[in-house]
């Protein structure tokens, strides 16, 4: 592939970030969350680089099967559990764990005739109101799962924090306290902390932590970047300048002529656009690196190209390197400019791009 837009994956940074999780939560087992194609980084690529994790979390059976086929032997947890009874046989076949969050799943298990029992993670809804059983129903669901022949003897308890990215949000402490009350007296290993919980709330670490975004070098917290938290960026979206031109004052740039030159000035065309996963709604002024120095996006990003202001880089030329996010330019910063979240940007990177990895050894 000759088009210069590409995704560079730093596997040593991924391992560094896993070590950072161990440093922050040394007594905990780690369920590395690798759903959504490893947050856009490549599912099997990420899982094999994180081989020292105790388990992996995925969204669906297809992701779990891909991991097993690639040689992953650690426990794999289906974070949304089984969708239908037809999946239970394959779940047993591939030795997968399931999250049980709805009474319909309990009923599937109660009616199932399986060759081996399945390990279940009972999810408690402590306030997010997305998935999970309400606290007052947990004891009964625990009893039903314990009595179910299709469920392994060891049952886990978990919940999910709704506002852990906000350090001062009182909801975090309310959820933690609610979960502790629900778990009291139940003989189970527990899991509360996502990435934000690991970083900001040590009292959520419990028996298991479930890092996702932080593994990829990105902070989930509103007031910091991954670098601030001792993390290293794993993904860098790179390209090059494919044209440099001088425009006159008041000449328009890009579709819709939404930006005009305030003076005679050089501009550069970068081979990357929303067809590659760069956010079309990123406004003029969004930072881009050219030759390692900051310049600004001007005009609207188009499908395969975007345009940058080169007044601070007057010697820039065709072929010069461009970083759209990653090393030297935190994806969190681009997300703030584009009024989105880093998760969306990472997951939206298009598979037409060449992925280049290093730091394997």
Protein backbone atom coordinates (compact mmCIF):
# COMPACT_ATOMS: atom_id res chain seq x y z
CA UNK A 1 0.00 0.00 0.00
CA UNK A 2 1.48 3.34 -1.07
CA UNK A 3 -1.06 5.75 0.44
CA UNK A 4 0.78 7.35 3.36
CA UNK A 5 -2.10 7.30 5.88
CA UNK A 6 -1.45 4.48 8.34
CA UNK A 7 -1.97 3.34 11.91
CA UNK A 8 1.13 2.64 13.99
CA UNK A 9 0.62 0.31 16.98
CA UNK A 10 3.21 0.34 19.76
CA UNK A 11 2.94 -3.05 21.48
CA UNK A 12 5.58 -2.20 24.07
CA UNK A 13 3.39 0.72 25.14
CA UNK A 14 0.50 -1.71 25.54
CA UNK A 15 2.58 -3.87 27.86
CA UNK A 16 3.74 -0.77 29.74
CA UNK A 17 0.13 0.22 30.35
CA UNK A 18 -0.74 -3.25 31.64
CA UNK A 19 2.21 -2.96 34.03
CA UNK A 20 0.79 0.38 35.15
CA UNK A 21 -2.47 -1.38 36.04
CA UNK A 22 -0.49 -3.89 38.11
CA UNK A 23 1.28 -0.99 39.82
CA UNK A 24 -1.99 0.74 40.71
CA UNK A 25 -3.87 -2.42 41.75
CA UNK A 26 -1.15 -4.89 42.80
CA UNK A 27 -3.44 -7.26 44.69
CA UNK A 28 -6.00 -7.58 41.90
CA UNK A 29 -6.53 -9.95 39.03
CA UNK A 30 -6.87 -8.20 35.68
CA UNK A 31 -9.60 -8.72 33.12
CA UNK A 32 -8.28 -6.87 30.07
CA UNK A 33 -11.13 -5.46 28.01
CA UNK A 34 -10.45 -6.06 24.31
CA UNK A 35 -13.92 -5.74 22.80
CA UNK A 36 -14.62 -3.67 19.68
CA UNK A 37 -11.54 -5.07 17.93
CA UNK A 38 -9.34 -4.14 20.86
CA UNK A 39 -10.72 -0.58 20.84
CA UNK A 40 -9.72 -0.36 17.19
CA UNK A 41 -6.18 -1.64 17.76
CA UNK A 42 -6.76 -5.22 16.52
CA UNK A 43 -8.34 -7.88 18.72
CA UNK A 44 -5.83 -10.70 18.51
CA UNK A 45 -2.88 -8.35 18.21
CA UNK A 46 -3.83 -6.72 21.50
CA UNK A 47 -4.70 -9.93 23.35
CA UNK A 48 -1.38 -11.60 22.54
CA UNK A 49 0.53 -8.50 23.62
CA UNK A 50 -1.42 -8.61 26.90
CA UNK A 51 -0.67 -12.29 27.46
CA UNK A 52 0.04 -11.75 31.16
CA UNK A 53 -3.53 -10.60 31.84
CA UNK A 54 -5.60 -13.01 33.93
CA UNK A 55 -8.66 -12.88 31.64
CA UNK A 56 -10.15 -11.03 28.70
CA UNK A 57 -13.49 -9.28 28.33
CA UNK A 58 -15.33 -9.18 24.99
CA UNK A 59 -18.77 -8.14 23.86
CA UNK A 60 -19.89 -11.16 21.88
CA UNK A 61 -19.32 -14.79 20.98
CA UNK A 62 -17.70 -13.92 17.65
CA UNK A 63 -14.94 -11.96 19.40
CA UNK A 64 -14.41 -14.78 21.91
CA UNK A 65 -14.14 -17.41 19.16
CA UNK A 66 -11.58 -15.29 17.32
CA UNK A 67 -9.45 -15.15 20.46
CA UNK A 68 -9.69 -18.90 21.04
CA UNK A 69 -8.83 -19.63 17.40
CA UNK A 70 -5.74 -17.42 17.74
CA UNK A 71 -4.51 -19.45 20.72
CA UNK A 72 -5.69 -17.43 23.72
CA UNK A 73 -6.14 -19.84 26.66
CA UNK A 74 -7.07 -17.45 29.49
CA UNK A 75 -10.67 -17.12 30.65
CA UNK A 76 -12.77 -15.05 28.24
CA UNK A 77 -15.84 -13.32 29.59
CA UNK A 78 -18.84 -12.44 27.41
CA UNK A 79 -19.70 -9.06 28.92
CA UNK A 80 -23.26 -9.08 27.59
CA UNK A 81 -23.75 -12.76 28.27
CA UNK A 82 -25.56 -15.12 25.91
CA UNK A 83 -28.15 -13.58 23.60
CA UNK A 84 -29.96 -16.84 22.78
CA UNK A 85 -30.11 -20.43 24.00
CA UNK A 86 -28.40 -21.53 20.77
CA UNK A 87 -25.17 -19.87 21.92
CA UNK A 88 -24.84 -21.93 25.10
CA UNK A 89 -23.39 -24.99 23.37
CA UNK A 90 -20.62 -22.92 21.76
CA UNK A 91 -20.00 -21.12 25.04
CA UNK A 92 -19.32 -24.49 26.65
CA UNK A 93 -17.29 -25.68 23.65
CA UNK A 94 -14.98 -22.67 23.85
CA UNK A 95 -14.87 -22.61 27.67
CA UNK A 96 -16.24 -19.10 27.99
CA UNK A 97 -17.55 -17.26 31.04
CA UNK A 98 -20.76 -15.27 30.83
CA UNK A 99 -22.11 -12.17 32.49
CA UNK A 100 -25.69 -12.77 33.63
CA UNK A 101 -27.58 -9.50 33.77
CA UNK A 102 -31.21 -10.30 32.95
CA UNK A 103 -33.78 -12.82 34.18
CA UNK A 104 -34.23 -14.16 30.64
CA UNK A 105 -30.62 -15.39 30.77
CA UNK A 106 -31.28 -17.09 34.10
CA UNK A 107 -34.23 -18.87 32.50
CA UNK A 108 -32.07 -19.96 29.54
CA UNK A 109 -29.63 -21.53 31.93
CA UNK A 110 -32.32 -23.19 34.04
CA UNK A 111 -33.74 -24.90 30.96
CA UNK A 112 -30.38 -25.80 29.42
CA UNK A 113 -28.99 -29.33 29.23
CA UNK A 114 -25.25 -28.81 28.87
CA UNK A 115 -22.26 -31.19 28.94
CA UNK A 116 -20.41 -28.89 31.35
CA UNK A 117 -21.52 -26.01 33.59
CA UNK A 118 -20.73 -22.42 32.63
CA UNK A 119 -19.00 -19.91 34.92
CA UNK A 120 -21.29 -16.95 35.57
CA UNK A 121 -20.61 -13.36 36.58
CA UNK A 122 -23.75 -11.95 38.17
CA UNK A 123 -24.07 -8.27 37.33
CA UNK A 124 -25.57 -5.85 39.83
CA UNK A 125 -27.19 -2.60 38.75
CA UNK A 126 -25.97 -0.19 41.42
CA UNK A 127 -27.18 2.93 39.65
CA UNK A 128 -26.10 3.06 36.03
CA UNK A 129 -29.38 1.41 34.96
CA UNK A 130 -28.00 -0.16 31.84
CA UNK A 131 -27.43 -3.85 32.56
CA UNK A 132 -27.74 -5.79 35.79
CA UNK A 133 -30.14 -6.86 38.53
CA UNK A 134 -31.48 -4.33 41.00
CA UNK A 135 -29.96 -4.76 44.48
CA UNK A 136 -33.17 -6.07 46.02
CA UNK A 137 -33.28 -8.93 43.49
CA UNK A 138 -29.68 -10.09 43.70
CA UNK A 139 -30.10 -12.58 46.56
CA UNK A 140 -32.87 -14.41 44.71
CA UNK A 141 -30.92 -14.47 41.44
CA UNK A 142 -27.87 -15.74 43.30
CA UNK A 143 -29.97 -18.55 44.75
CA UNK A 144 -31.36 -19.51 41.34
CA UNK A 145 -27.92 -19.55 39.74
CA UNK A 146 -26.51 -21.56 42.64
CA UNK A 147 -29.27 -24.15 42.20
CA UNK A 148 -28.83 -24.31 38.41
CA UNK A 149 -27.00 -27.38 37.05
CA UNK A 150 -25.84 -25.40 34.01
CA UNK A 151 -23.94 -22.92 36.20
CA UNK A 152 -20.56 -23.67 37.79
CA UNK A 153 -20.30 -23.61 41.55
CA UNK A 154 -18.10 -20.51 41.63
CA UNK A 155 -20.19 -17.42 40.84
CA UNK A 156 -18.67 -13.93 40.57
CA UNK A 157 -20.28 -10.57 41.36
CA UNK A 158 -19.69 -7.41 39.36
CA UNK A 159 -21.05 -3.93 38.78
CA UNK A 160 -20.22 -0.97 36.54
CA UNK A 161 -19.48 2.63 37.49
CA UNK A 162 -21.47 5.28 35.65
CA UNK A 163 -19.50 8.43 36.45
CA UNK A 164 -16.01 7.32 37.46
CA UNK A 165 -14.51 9.71 34.90
CA UNK A 166 -15.60 12.52 37.27
CA UNK A 167 -13.45 12.35 40.39
CA UNK A 168 -15.82 14.44 42.51
CA UNK A 169 -19.12 12.87 41.45
CA UNK A 170 -20.88 11.58 44.57
CA UNK A 171 -22.54 8.84 42.53
CA UNK A 172 -19.29 6.87 42.59
CA UNK A 173 -19.30 6.49 46.36
CA UNK A 174 -23.01 5.70 46.37
CA UNK A 175 -22.48 2.88 43.86
CA UNK A 176 -19.50 1.49 45.78
CA UNK A 177 -21.46 1.42 49.03
CA UNK A 178 -24.49 -0.13 47.34
CA UNK A 179 -22.36 -2.90 45.85
CA UNK A 180 -20.69 -3.64 49.17
CA UNK A 181 -24.06 -4.05 50.88
CA UNK A 182 -25.32 -6.36 48.13
CA UNK A 183 -22.18 -8.52 48.30
CA UNK A 184 -22.17 -8.83 52.09
CA UNK A 185 -22.57 -12.48 53.02
CA UNK A 186 -22.24 -13.81 49.47
CA UNK A 187 -19.09 -15.94 48.96
CA UNK A 188 -17.90 -14.43 45.71
CA UNK A 189 -14.94 -12.72 44.10
CA UNK A 190 -16.00 -9.23 43.05
CA UNK A 191 -15.24 -6.65 40.37
CA UNK A 192 -16.11 -2.94 40.27
CA UNK A 193 -13.34 -0.89 38.70
CA UNK A 194 -13.12 0.09 35.05
CA UNK A 195 -10.16 2.19 33.90
CA UNK A 196 -11.43 5.32 35.62
CA UNK A 197 -12.05 3.41 38.84
CA UNK A 198 -8.53 1.97 38.75
CA UNK A 199 -7.02 5.45 38.34
CA UNK A 200 -9.21 7.52 40.62
CA UNK A 201 -10.91 5.27 43.18
CA UNK A 202 -8.63 2.71 44.87
CA UNK A 203 -11.54 1.49 47.00
CA UNK A 204 -13.09 0.01 43.84
CA UNK A 205 -10.22 -2.35 43.11
CA UNK A 206 -11.82 -5.41 44.80
CA UNK A 207 -10.68 -8.85 43.58
CA UNK A 208 -10.74 -8.04 39.87
CA UNK A 209 -10.21 -4.86 37.88
CA UNK A 210 -11.37 -4.40 34.30
CA UNK A 211 -9.08 -1.95 32.46
CA UNK A 212 -10.13 -0.96 28.98
CA UNK A 213 -9.26 2.50 27.69
CA UNK A 214 -6.19 2.93 29.90
CA UNK A 215 -4.57 -0.16 28.36
CA UNK A 216 -4.43 1.78 25.10
CA UNK A 217 -2.66 4.71 26.76
CA UNK A 218 -5.68 6.99 27.08
CA UNK A 219 -7.12 8.53 30.22
CA UNK A 220 -10.87 8.17 30.80
CA UNK A 221 -10.75 11.02 33.33
CA UNK A 222 -12.01 14.43 32.31
CA UNK A 223 -9.09 16.31 33.80
CA UNK A 224 -6.09 14.37 32.51
CA UNK A 225 -4.44 12.64 29.58
CA UNK A 226 -2.83 9.24 29.47
CA UNK A 227 0.62 10.76 29.83
CA UNK A 228 -0.54 12.51 33.02
CA UNK A 229 -1.51 9.09 34.39
CA UNK A 230 1.77 7.38 33.53
CA UNK A 231 0.39 5.73 30.40
CA UNK A 232 1.83 5.59 26.88
CA UNK A 233 -0.19 5.96 23.66
CA UNK A 234 -0.48 2.69 21.77
CA UNK A 235 -2.08 3.98 18.55
CA UNK A 236 -0.66 6.78 16.42
CA UNK A 237 -2.58 7.85 13.32
CA UNK A 238 0.03 9.06 10.83
CA UNK A 239 0.17 10.40 7.31
CA UNK A 240 2.11 12.85 5.15
CA UNK A 241 1.69 16.11 3.30
CA UNK A 242 0.78 15.37 -0.31
CA UNK A 243 0.55 19.01 -1.48
CA UNK A 244 1.75 22.42 -0.32
CA UNK A 245 0.49 25.64 -1.85
CA UNK A 246 0.38 29.37 -1.24
CA UNK A 247 -3.08 30.91 -1.04
CA UNK A 248 -3.96 34.59 -1.11
CA UNK A 249 -5.81 36.55 1.55
CA UNK A 250 -9.55 35.82 1.66
CA UNK A 251 -9.31 32.68 -0.49
CA UNK A 252 -11.49 29.81 0.77
CA UNK A 253 -10.31 26.39 1.91
CA UNK A 254 -12.18 23.11 1.60
CA UNK A 255 -15.81 22.08 1.13
CA UNK A 256 -18.37 24.77 1.84
CA UNK A 257 -15.71 27.48 1.95
CA UNK A 258 -16.15 27.59 5.73
CA UNK A 259 -12.65 28.99 6.33
CA UNK A 260 -10.87 31.82 4.49
CA UNK A 261 -7.24 32.82 4.60
CA UNK A 262 -6.67 35.90 6.77
CA UNK A 263 -3.54 36.73 4.75
CA UNK A 264 -1.33 35.30 2.01
CA UNK A 265 -0.22 32.00 3.52
CA UNK A 266 1.01 28.45 2.92
CA UNK A 267 -1.37 25.53 3.43
CA UNK A 268 -0.74 21.80 3.35
CA UNK A 269 -2.94 18.93 2.21
CA UNK A 270 -2.75 15.79 4.37
CA UNK A 271 -3.67 12.35 3.02
CA UNK A 272 -6.23 11.47 5.70
CA UNK A 273 -9.90 12.22 6.23
CA UNK A 274 -13.16 10.97 7.63
CA UNK A 275 -12.92 7.90 5.39
CA UNK A 276 -9.99 6.89 7.60
CA UNK A 277 -11.75 7.66 10.87
CA UNK A 278 -10.73 11.28 11.36
CA UNK A 279 -13.78 13.17 12.69
CA UNK A 280 -15.43 15.25 9.97
CA UNK A 281 -16.87 17.58 12.61
CA UNK A 282 -13.44 18.53 13.98
CA UNK A 283 -13.40 22.35 13.80
CA UNK A 284 -10.80 24.66 12.35
CA UNK A 285 -8.11 25.13 14.98
CA UNK A 286 -7.92 21.43 15.89
CA UNK A 287 -4.22 20.62 16.39
CA UNK A 288 -2.22 18.48 13.97
CA UNK A 289 1.51 17.75 14.07
CA UNK A 290 3.64 18.46 10.99
CA UNK A 291 7.32 17.60 11.42
CA UNK A 292 6.56 17.20 15.13
CA UNK A 293 5.33 20.80 15.45
CA UNK A 294 1.76 21.92 16.02
CA UNK A 295 -0.26 23.41 13.22
CA UNK A 296 -4.03 23.83 12.89
CA UNK A 297 -6.68 22.10 10.85
CA UNK A 298 -8.46 24.59 8.59
CA UNK A 299 -11.76 24.04 6.82
CA UNK A 300 -13.72 20.81 6.82
CA UNK A 301 -12.04 17.45 6.70
CA UNK A 302 -13.06 15.61 3.54
CA UNK A 303 -13.20 11.86 2.94
CA UNK A 304 -9.54 11.29 2.11
CA UNK A 305 -7.85 14.62 2.84
CA UNK A 306 -7.68 17.50 5.24
CA UNK A 307 -5.95 20.87 5.06
CA UNK A 308 -3.65 22.50 7.61
CA UNK A 309 -2.32 25.99 8.22
CA UNK A 310 1.44 26.01 7.56
CA UNK A 311 2.24 29.59 8.56
CA UNK A 312 4.30 28.27 11.50
CA UNK A 313 5.92 25.66 9.21
CA UNK A 314 6.82 27.70 6.10
CA UNK A 315 9.49 25.22 5.03
CA UNK A 316 7.17 22.21 5.11
CA UNK A 317 7.17 20.19 1.89
CA UNK A 318 5.45 17.26 0.24
CA UNK A 319 6.32 14.04 2.03
CA UNK A 320 6.79 15.60 5.45
CA UNK A 321 5.36 13.48 8.31
CA UNK A 322 2.02 14.24 9.94
CA UNK A 323 0.55 12.96 13.20
CA UNK A 324 -3.21 13.26 13.64
CA UNK A 325 -3.21 11.76 17.14
CA UNK A 326 -1.00 9.54 19.25
CA UNK A 327 2.67 10.09 20.05
CA UNK A 328 3.11 13.81 20.69
CA UNK A 329 -0.58 14.64 20.31
CA UNK A 330 -2.95 12.98 22.81
CA UNK A 331 -6.13 11.60 21.31
CA UNK A 332 -7.92 13.09 24.34
CA UNK A 333 -7.06 16.55 23.03
CA UNK A 334 -8.45 15.85 19.57
CA UNK A 335 -11.59 14.41 21.17
CA UNK A 336 -12.16 17.62 23.15
CA UNK A 337 -11.81 19.74 20.02
CA UNK A 338 -14.20 17.46 18.11
CA UNK A 339 -16.70 17.32 21.00
CA UNK A 340 -16.50 13.55 21.24
CA UNK A 341 -14.70 10.93 23.35
CA UNK A 342 -11.42 9.08 22.70
CA UNK A 343 -13.25 5.74 22.62
CA UNK A 344 -15.17 6.79 19.51
CA UNK A 345 -12.07 8.01 17.68
CA UNK A 346 -10.06 4.86 18.38
CA UNK A 347 -12.89 2.50 17.44
CA UNK A 348 -13.68 4.45 14.26
CA UNK A 349 -10.26 4.00 12.64
CA UNK A 350 -10.97 2.43 9.27
CA UNK A 351 -9.63 -0.97 8.36
CA UNK A 352 -8.64 0.27 4.89
CA UNK A 353 -5.59 1.77 6.57
CA UNK A 354 -2.34 -0.10 6.81
CA UNK A 355 -1.61 -1.17 10.39
CA UNK A 356 2.07 -1.19 11.29
CA UNK A 357 3.14 -2.67 14.63
CA UNK A 358 6.39 -2.54 16.52
CA UNK A 359 7.64 -3.38 20.02
CA UNK A 360 6.61 -7.02 19.70
CA UNK A 361 9.53 -8.51 21.56
